[in-house]
Amino acid sequence: MQADVTGRSVGGHGLGYNVKSVVMDKRDRFKAYYKSAGGAEGLPWHRDEPTRFLDAIIASRGKLGSAVDLGCGSGIDAVYLARAGWTVTALDFMPDALEMTRKLAEQAGVDLELVQADVMEWEPGREFDVVVDSGLLHNLSRDHISGYRANILKWLAAEGDFILAHWESRTDSDRLRGGARRVSRKQIIDLFAPELKEHQFERLEATGLPERVGPDLSVGFYHFRRR
């Protein structure tokens, strides 16, 4: 039986593949990550380059616009967009993340809006031409997924671009490993259909990981455009 991304079986017949487990308070978990990191480079998800597709999307749009980076982390995507001349909002619920983003923006000599808020509670009151999520959705609890989808559709402007990075499920055993939630490409596409259409997809394979999350991992990178 096929399960949707929220963990329900399609057709409403139960939980599908999910196994309930004790969930740590995410705020405490991320506080621990930032406390032990000693800087942006020490964060498990840190990277030096913008998320896949972002540079090409900015170039292809042909004009400046507004963008929001959901779960901005150390600010790589937000500052990249600001350096390209875009009006940028960087959102995170962690003050440490926003401070890292502020410092990176200061070093780059750019301005952007910093917002400390929960993505499920934030009300920007406007739309954005580009929405970036490089690892927020797959850390949300399952009961927030439908609300997250509604927010994306509310915030993304007509013909807007949505970039998503999400851990990918390839086998049943993948879904039972630790770390962020893993779902299939089809589940992600179905979640945002019919309003958003997948335009590009790439897969990154990582190996040599700790057994708790590995030993290997697939990350799906999605570019959706509003129909």
C-alpha atoms as a PDB file:
ATOM      1  CA  MET A   1       0.000   0.000   0.000  1.00  0.00           C
ATOM      2  CA  GLN A   2       1.344   3.408  -0.987  1.00  0.00           C
ATOM      3  CA  ALA A   3       1.778   5.949   1.831  1.00  0.00           C
ATOM      4  CA  ASP A   4       1.632   9.682   1.362  1.00  0.00           C
ATOM      5  CA  VAL A   5       4.264  12.053   2.746  1.00  0.00           C
ATOM      6  CA  THR A   6       2.311  12.718   5.931  1.00  0.00           C
ATOM      7  CA  GLY A   7       2.564   9.050   6.831  1.00  0.00           C
ATOM      8  CA  ARG A   8      -1.046   8.175   6.095  1.00  0.00           C
ATOM      9  CA  SER A   9      -1.787   5.406   3.640  1.00  0.00           C
ATOM     10  CA  VAL A  10      -3.356   6.670   0.450  1.00  0.00           C
ATOM     11  CA  GLY A  11      -7.059   5.948   0.698  1.00  0.00           C
ATOM     12  CA  GLY A  12      -7.100   6.604   4.447  1.00  0.00           C
ATOM     13  CA  HIS A  13      -6.468   3.038   5.591  1.00  0.00           C
ATOM     14  CA  GLY A  14      -3.930   3.603   8.331  1.00  0.00           C
ATOM     15  CA  LEU A  15      -0.323   4.528   8.909  1.00  0.00           C
ATOM     16  CA  GLY A  16       1.327   2.721   6.021  1.00  0.00           C
ATOM     17  CA  TYR A  17       5.061   2.371   6.693  1.00  0.00           C
ATOM     18  CA  ASN A  18       5.366   4.492   9.828  1.00  0.00           C
ATOM     19  CA  VAL A  19       6.580   3.301  13.202  1.00  0.00           C
ATOM     20  CA  LYS A  20       5.868   5.595  16.161  1.00  0.00           C
ATOM     21  CA  SER A  21       8.867   6.580  18.226  1.00  0.00           C
ATOM     22  CA  VAL A  22       9.784   8.969  20.988  1.00  0.00           C
ATOM     23  CA  VAL A  23      10.564  12.346  19.432  1.00  0.00           C
ATOM     24  CA  MET A  24      13.063  14.711  21.034  1.00  0.00           C
ATOM     25  CA  ASP A  25      12.022  18.290  21.405  1.00  0.00           C
ATOM     26  CA  LYS A  26      13.383  19.776  18.195  1.00  0.00           C
ATOM     27  CA  ARG A  27      14.323  23.046  19.795  1.00  0.00           C
ATOM     28  CA  ASP A  28      16.502  21.266  22.346  1.00  0.00           C
ATOM     29  CA  ARG A  29      18.057  19.154  19.611  1.00  0.00           C
ATOM     30  CA  PHE A  30      18.969  22.153  17.493  1.00  0.00           C
ATOM     31  CA  LYS A  31      20.194  24.085  20.512  1.00  0.00           C
ATOM     32  CA  ALA A  32      22.607  21.210  21.112  1.00  0.00           C
ATOM     33  CA  TYR A  33      23.734  21.256  17.471  1.00  0.00           C
ATOM     34  CA  TYR A  34      24.518  24.967  17.543  1.00  0.00           C
ATOM     35  CA  LYS A  35      26.147  24.805  20.966  1.00  0.00           C
ATOM     36  CA  SER A  36      28.530  22.040  19.950  1.00  0.00           C
ATOM     37  CA  ALA A  37      29.236  23.349  16.438  1.00  0.00           C
ATOM     38  CA  GLY A  38      31.607  26.145  17.421  1.00  0.00           C
ATOM     39  CA  GLY A  39      30.664  28.026  14.260  1.00  0.00           C
ATOM     40  CA  ALA A  40      28.869  27.525  10.963  1.00  0.00           C
ATOM     41  CA  GLU A  41      31.459  25.073   9.617  1.00  0.00           C
ATOM     42  CA  GLY A  42      30.777  22.726  12.521  1.00  0.00           C
ATOM     43  CA  LEU A  43      27.081  22.315  11.760  1.00  0.00           C
ATOM     44  CA  PRO A  44      26.207  18.868  10.320  1.00  0.00           C
ATOM     45  CA  TRP A  45      24.328  20.436   7.405  1.00  0.00           C
ATOM     46  CA  HIS A  46      26.798  23.222   6.606  1.00  0.00           C
ATOM     47  CA  ARG A  47      27.848  23.809   3.012  1.00  0.00           C
ATOM     48  CA  ASP A  48      29.708  26.619   1.254  1.00  0.00           C
ATOM     49  CA  GLU A  49      27.631  26.735  -1.928  1.00  0.00           C
ATOM     50  CA  PRO A  50      23.977  27.700  -2.427  1.00  0.00           C
ATOM     51  CA  THR A  51      21.377  24.962  -2.677  1.00  0.00           C
ATOM     52  CA  ARG A  52      21.114  23.202  -6.043  1.00  0.00           C
ATOM     53  CA  PHE A  53      19.164  25.041  -8.749  1.00  0.00           C
ATOM     54  CA  LEU A  54      19.185  28.368  -6.916  1.00  0.00           C
ATOM     55  CA  ASP A  55      21.838  30.036  -9.070  1.00  0.00           C
ATOM     56  CA  ALA A  56      20.235  28.854 -12.319  1.00  0.00           C
ATOM     57  CA  ILE A  57      16.771  29.944 -11.216  1.00  0.00           C
ATOM     58  CA  ILE A  58      17.953  33.419 -10.289  1.00  0.00           C
ATOM     59  CA  ALA A  59      19.706  33.762 -13.642  1.00  0.00           C
ATOM     60  CA  SER A  60      16.732  32.458 -15.624  1.00  0.00           C
ATOM     61  CA  ARG A  61      14.130  34.722 -14.030  1.00  0.00           C
ATOM     62  CA  GLY A  62      15.728  37.737 -15.683  1.00  0.00           C
ATOM     63  CA  LYS A  63      14.692  40.293 -13.075  1.00  0.00           C
ATOM     64  CA  LEU A  64      15.080  40.894  -9.353  1.00  0.00           C
ATOM     65  CA  GLY A  65      12.393  39.842  -6.925  1.00  0.00           C
ATOM     66  CA  SER A  66      11.697  38.777  -3.374  1.00  0.00           C
ATOM     67  CA  ALA A  67      12.750  35.546  -1.698  1.00  0.00           C
ATOM     68  CA  VAL A  68      12.400  33.807   1.639  1.00  0.00           C
ATOM     69  CA  ASP A  69      14.857  31.251   3.029  1.00  0.00           C
ATOM     70  CA  LEU A  70      12.931  28.946   5.370  1.00  0.00           C
ATOM     71  CA  GLY A  71      15.155  27.522   8.092  1.00  0.00           C
ATOM     72  CA  CYS A  72      18.035  29.692   6.928  1.00  0.00           C
ATOM     73  CA  GLY A  73      20.678  28.063   9.136  1.00  0.00           C
ATOM     74  CA  SER A  74      24.009  29.821   8.684  1.00  0.00           C
ATOM     75  CA  GLY A  75      22.619  31.970   5.874  1.00  0.00           C
ATOM     76  CA  ILE A  76      24.360  30.643   2.752  1.00  0.00           C
ATOM     77  CA  ASP A  77      21.255  30.802   0.535  1.00  0.00           C
ATOM     78  CA  ALA A  78      19.885  34.022   2.017  1.00  0.00           C
ATOM     79  CA  VAL A  79      23.164  35.893   1.596  1.00  0.00           C
ATOM     80  CA  TYR A  80      23.658  34.498  -1.913  1.00  0.00           C
ATOM     81  CA  LEU A  81      20.271  35.897  -2.901  1.00  0.00           C
ATOM     82  CA  ALA A  82      20.963  39.250  -1.251  1.00  0.00           C
ATOM     83  CA  ARG A  83      24.301  39.531  -3.066  1.00  0.00           C
ATOM     84  CA  ALA A  84      22.418  38.963  -6.318  1.00  0.00           C
ATOM     85  CA  GLY A  85      20.313  42.017  -5.519  1.00  0.00           C
ATOM     86  CA  TRP A  86      17.184  40.278  -4.291  1.00  0.00           C
ATOM     87  CA  THR A  87      14.989  41.402  -1.388  1.00  0.00           C
ATOM     88  CA  VAL A  88      15.502  38.581   1.106  1.00  0.00           C
ATOM     89  CA  THR A  89      13.838  37.362   4.278  1.00  0.00           C
ATOM     90  CA  ALA A  90      15.803  34.821   6.329  1.00  0.00           C
ATOM     91  CA  LEU A  91      13.647  32.854   8.754  1.00  0.00           C
ATOM     92  CA  ASP A  92      14.697  30.454  11.499  1.00  0.00           C
ATOM     93  CA  PHE A  93      13.452  29.568  14.968  1.00  0.00           C
ATOM     94  CA  MET A  94      17.004  29.440  16.310  1.00  0.00           C
ATOM     95  CA  PRO A  95      18.609  32.730  17.386  1.00  0.00           C
ATOM     96  CA  ASP A  96      22.064  31.218  16.796  1.00  0.00           C
ATOM     97  CA  ALA A  97      21.176  30.607  13.151  1.00  0.00           C
ATOM     98  CA  LEU A  98      20.020  34.181  12.682  1.00  0.00           C
ATOM     99  CA  GLU A  99      23.186  35.515  14.302  1.00  0.00           C
ATOM    100  CA  MET A 100      25.298  33.445  11.898  1.00  0.00           C
ATOM    101  CA  THR A 101      23.249  34.780   9.000  1.00  0.00           C
ATOM    102  CA  ARG A 102      23.594  38.347  10.263  1.00  0.00           C
ATOM    103  CA  LYS A 103      27.377  38.027  10.477  1.00  0.00           C
ATOM    104  CA  LEU A 104      27.622  36.475   7.011  1.00  0.00           C
ATOM    105  CA  ALA A 105      25.470  39.255   5.549  1.00  0.00           C
ATOM    106  CA  GLU A 106      27.612  41.860   7.286  1.00  0.00           C
ATOM    107  CA  GLN A 107      30.772  40.316   5.853  1.00  0.00           C
ATOM    108  CA  ALA A 108      29.206  40.332   2.392  1.00  0.00           C
ATOM    109  CA  GLY A 109      28.014  43.920   2.764  1.00  0.00           C
ATOM    110  CA  VAL A 110      24.359  43.132   2.087  1.00  0.00           C
ATOM    111  CA  ASP A 111      21.067  43.809   3.833  1.00  0.00           C
ATOM    112  CA  LEU A 112      18.330  41.308   4.504  1.00  0.00           C
ATOM    113  CA  GLU A 113      15.423  40.811   6.879  1.00  0.00           C
ATOM    114  CA  LEU A 114      16.003  38.443   9.793  1.00  0.00           C
ATOM    115  CA  VAL A 115      12.930  36.812  11.335  1.00  0.00           C
ATOM    116  CA  GLN A 116      12.933  34.544  14.376  1.00  0.00           C
ATOM    117  CA  ALA A 117       9.753  32.507  14.107  1.00  0.00           C
ATOM    118  CA  ASP A 118       8.299  29.037  13.747  1.00  0.00           C
ATOM    119  CA  VAL A 119       7.437  28.347  10.115  1.00  0.00           C
ATOM    120  CA  MET A 120       4.029  27.067  11.223  1.00  0.00           C
ATOM    121  CA  GLU A 121       3.185  30.298  13.050  1.00  0.00           C
ATOM    122  CA  TRP A 122       4.770  32.971  10.847  1.00  0.00           C
ATOM    123  CA  GLU A 123       2.477  35.330   8.921  1.00  0.00           C
ATOM    124  CA  PRO A 124       4.503  37.427   6.454  1.00  0.00           C
ATOM    125  CA  GLY A 125       1.445  39.034   4.908  1.00  0.00           C
ATOM    126  CA  ARG A 126       2.979  38.976   1.425  1.00  0.00           C
ATOM    127  CA  GLU A 127       4.083  36.647  -1.363  1.00  0.00           C
ATOM    128  CA  PHE A 128       7.575  35.741  -2.556  1.00  0.00           C
ATOM    129  CA  ASP A 129       8.923  35.021  -6.025  1.00  0.00           C
ATOM    130  CA  VAL A 130      11.297  32.371  -4.691  1.00  0.00           C
ATOM    131  CA  VAL A 131      10.915  30.155  -1.617  1.00  0.00           C
ATOM    132  CA  VAL A 132      13.876  28.047  -0.460  1.00  0.00           C
ATOM    133  CA  ASP A 133      13.751  25.141   1.995  1.00  0.00           C
ATOM    134  CA  SER A 134      17.071  23.370   2.313  1.00  0.00           C
ATOM    135  CA  GLY A 135      16.213  20.950   5.098  1.00  0.00           C
ATOM    136  CA  LEU A 136      13.277  22.300   7.097  1.00  0.00           C
ATOM    137  CA  LEU A 137      10.371  20.179   5.863  1.00  0.00           C
ATOM    138  CA  HIS A 138      12.019  16.850   6.589  1.00  0.00           C
ATOM    139  CA  ASN A 139      12.484  17.910  10.224  1.00  0.00           C
ATOM    140  CA  LEU A 140       8.850  18.889  10.808  1.00  0.00           C
ATOM    141  CA  SER A 141       6.544  16.553  12.682  1.00  0.00           C
ATOM    142  CA  ARG A 142       4.102  14.694  10.460  1.00  0.00           C
ATOM    143  CA  ASP A 143       1.052  16.530  11.784  1.00  0.00           C
ATOM    144  CA  HIS A 144       2.520  19.815  10.509  1.00  0.00           C
ATOM    145  CA  ILE A 145       3.059  18.722   6.906  1.00  0.00           C
ATOM    146  CA  SER A 146      -0.359  19.683   5.574  1.00  0.00           C
ATOM    147  CA  GLY A 147      -0.066  23.087   7.258  1.00  0.00           C
ATOM    148  CA  TYR A 148       3.402  23.549   5.785  1.00  0.00           C
ATOM    149  CA  ARG A 149       2.026  22.799   2.307  1.00  0.00           C
ATOM    150  CA  ALA A 150      -0.733  25.353   2.821  1.00  0.00           C
ATOM    151  CA  ASN A 151       1.849  27.955   3.847  1.00  0.00           C
ATOM    152  CA  ILE A 152       4.014  27.337   0.778  1.00  0.00           C
ATOM    153  CA  LEU A 153       1.017  27.766  -1.492  1.00  0.00           C
ATOM    154  CA  LYS A 154       0.001  30.932   0.367  1.00  0.00           C
ATOM    155  CA  TRP A 155       3.485  32.486   0.228  1.00  0.00           C
ATOM    156  CA  LEU A 156       4.610  31.509  -3.288  1.00  0.00           C
ATOM    157  CA  ALA A 157       3.667  34.080  -5.928  1.00  0.00           C
ATOM    158  CA  ALA A 158       2.208  33.246  -9.321  1.00  0.00           C
ATOM    159  CA  GLU A 159       4.897  31.608 -11.493  1.00  0.00           C
ATOM    160  CA  GLY A 160       7.081  31.491  -8.402  1.00  0.00           C
ATOM    161  CA  ASP A 161       9.885  28.986  -7.841  1.00  0.00           C
ATOM    162  CA  PHE A 162      10.116  26.661  -4.840  1.00  0.00           C
ATOM    163  CA  ILE A 163      13.403  24.879  -4.064  1.00  0.00           C
ATOM    164  CA  LEU A 164      13.371  21.963  -1.646  1.00  0.00           C
ATOM    165  CA  ALA A 165      16.083  19.668  -0.270  1.00  0.00           C
ATOM    166  CA  HIS A 166      14.670  16.566   1.431  1.00  0.00           C
ATOM    167  CA  TRP A 167      16.169  13.247   2.532  1.00  0.00           C
ATOM    168  CA  GLU A 168      15.028  10.510   0.196  1.00  0.00           C
ATOM    169  CA  SER A 169      13.641   7.072   0.906  1.00  0.00           C
ATOM    170  CA  ARG A 170      14.809   4.366  -1.464  1.00  0.00           C
ATOM    171  CA  THR A 171      13.985   1.232   0.556  1.00  0.00           C
ATOM    172  CA  ASP A 172      11.831   0.333   3.550  1.00  0.00           C
ATOM    173  CA  SER A 173      14.935   0.128   5.746  1.00  0.00           C
ATOM    174  CA  ASP A 174      15.773   3.771   4.923  1.00  0.00           C
ATOM    175  CA  ARG A 175      12.608   4.906   6.649  1.00  0.00           C
ATOM    176  CA  LEU A 176      13.564   3.182   9.885  1.00  0.00           C
ATOM    177  CA  ARG A 177      16.933   4.918  10.274  1.00  0.00           C
ATOM    178  CA  GLY A 178      17.566   7.910  12.498  1.00  0.00           C
ATOM    179  CA  GLY A 179      17.815  11.527  11.521  1.00  0.00           C
ATOM    180  CA  ALA A 180      15.386  13.497   9.389  1.00  0.00           C
ATOM    181  CA  ARG A 181      12.329  11.924   7.790  1.00  0.00           C
ATOM    182  CA  ARG A 182      12.831  10.216   4.415  1.00  0.00           C
ATOM    183  CA  VAL A 183      10.220   9.952   1.701  1.00  0.00           C
ATOM    184  CA  SER A 184      10.183   9.041  -1.971  1.00  0.00           C
ATOM    185  CA  ARG A 185      10.337  11.458  -4.891  1.00  0.00           C
ATOM    186  CA  LYS A 186       6.769  10.506  -5.830  1.00  0.00           C
ATOM    187  CA  GLN A 187       5.531  11.373  -2.357  1.00  0.00           C
ATOM    188  CA  ILE A 188       7.105  14.834  -2.559  1.00  0.00           C
ATOM    189  CA  ILE A 189       5.649  15.460  -6.033  1.00  0.00           C
ATOM    190  CA  ASP A 190       2.212  14.287  -4.890  1.00  0.00           C
ATOM    191  CA  LEU A 191       2.364  16.475  -1.794  1.00  0.00           C
ATOM    192  CA  PHE A 192       2.595  19.710  -3.778  1.00  0.00           C
ATOM    193  CA  ALA A 193       0.440  18.702  -6.757  1.00  0.00           C
ATOM    194  CA  PRO A 194      -1.470  20.003  -8.584  1.00  0.00           C
ATOM    195  CA  GLU A 195      -0.537  23.599  -7.771  1.00  0.00           C
ATOM    196  CA  LEU A 196       3.223  23.083  -8.098  1.00  0.00           C
ATOM    197  CA  LYS A 197       4.912  21.214 -10.936  1.00  0.00           C
ATOM    198  CA  GLU A 198       8.347  19.633 -10.647  1.00  0.00           C
ATOM    199  CA  HIS A 199      10.718  21.222 -13.153  1.00  0.00           C
ATOM    200  CA  GLN A 200      14.050  19.765 -12.048  1.00  0.00           C
ATOM    201  CA  PHE A 201      15.282  17.007  -9.774  1.00  0.00           C
ATOM    202  CA  GLU A 202      18.734  15.855  -8.724  1.00  0.00           C
ATOM    203  CA  ARG A 203      19.898  13.232  -6.267  1.00  0.00           C
ATOM    204  CA  LEU A 204      22.986  13.445  -4.073  1.00  0.00           C
ATOM    205  CA  GLU A 205      24.363  10.203  -2.675  1.00  0.00           C
ATOM    206  CA  ALA A 206      26.432  10.358   0.514  1.00  0.00           C
ATOM    207  CA  THR A 207      28.377   7.432   1.969  1.00  0.00           C
ATOM    208  CA  GLY A 208      30.472   6.657   5.028  1.00  0.00           C
ATOM    209  CA  LEU A 209      27.897   8.054   7.449  1.00  0.00           C
ATOM    210  CA  PRO A 210      27.310   6.998  11.077  1.00  0.00           C
ATOM    211  CA  GLU A 211      25.244   3.837  11.329  1.00  0.00           C
ATOM    212  CA  ARG A 212      22.421   5.733  13.063  1.00  0.00           C
ATOM    213  CA  VAL A 213      21.622   7.597   9.842  1.00  0.00           C
ATOM    214  CA  GLY A 214      23.607   5.616   7.292  1.00  0.00           C
ATOM    215  CA  PRO A 215      25.738   3.989   6.240  1.00  0.00           C
ATOM    216  CA  ASP A 216      24.631   5.889   3.137  1.00  0.00           C
ATOM    217  CA  LEU A 217      22.065   8.549   2.418  1.00  0.00           C
ATOM    218  CA  SER A 218      20.228   9.977  -0.568  1.00  0.00           C
ATOM    219  CA  VAL A 219      19.154  13.630  -0.659  1.00  0.00           C
ATOM    220  CA  GLY A 220      16.618  14.784  -3.228  1.00  0.00           C
ATOM    221  CA  PHE A 221      16.813  18.330  -4.599  1.00  0.00           C
ATOM    222  CA  TYR A 222      13.587  19.609  -6.135  1.00  0.00           C
ATOM    223  CA  HIS A 223      12.718  22.673  -8.202  1.00  0.00           C
ATOM    224  CA  PHE A 224       8.993  23.300  -8.366  1.00  0.00           C
ATOM    225  CA  ARG A 225       7.234  26.082 -10.228  1.00  0.00           C
ATOM    226  CA  ARG A 226       3.739  27.338  -9.558  1.00  0.00           C
ATOM    227  CA  ARG A 227       1.392  26.417 -12.385  1.00  0.00           C
END
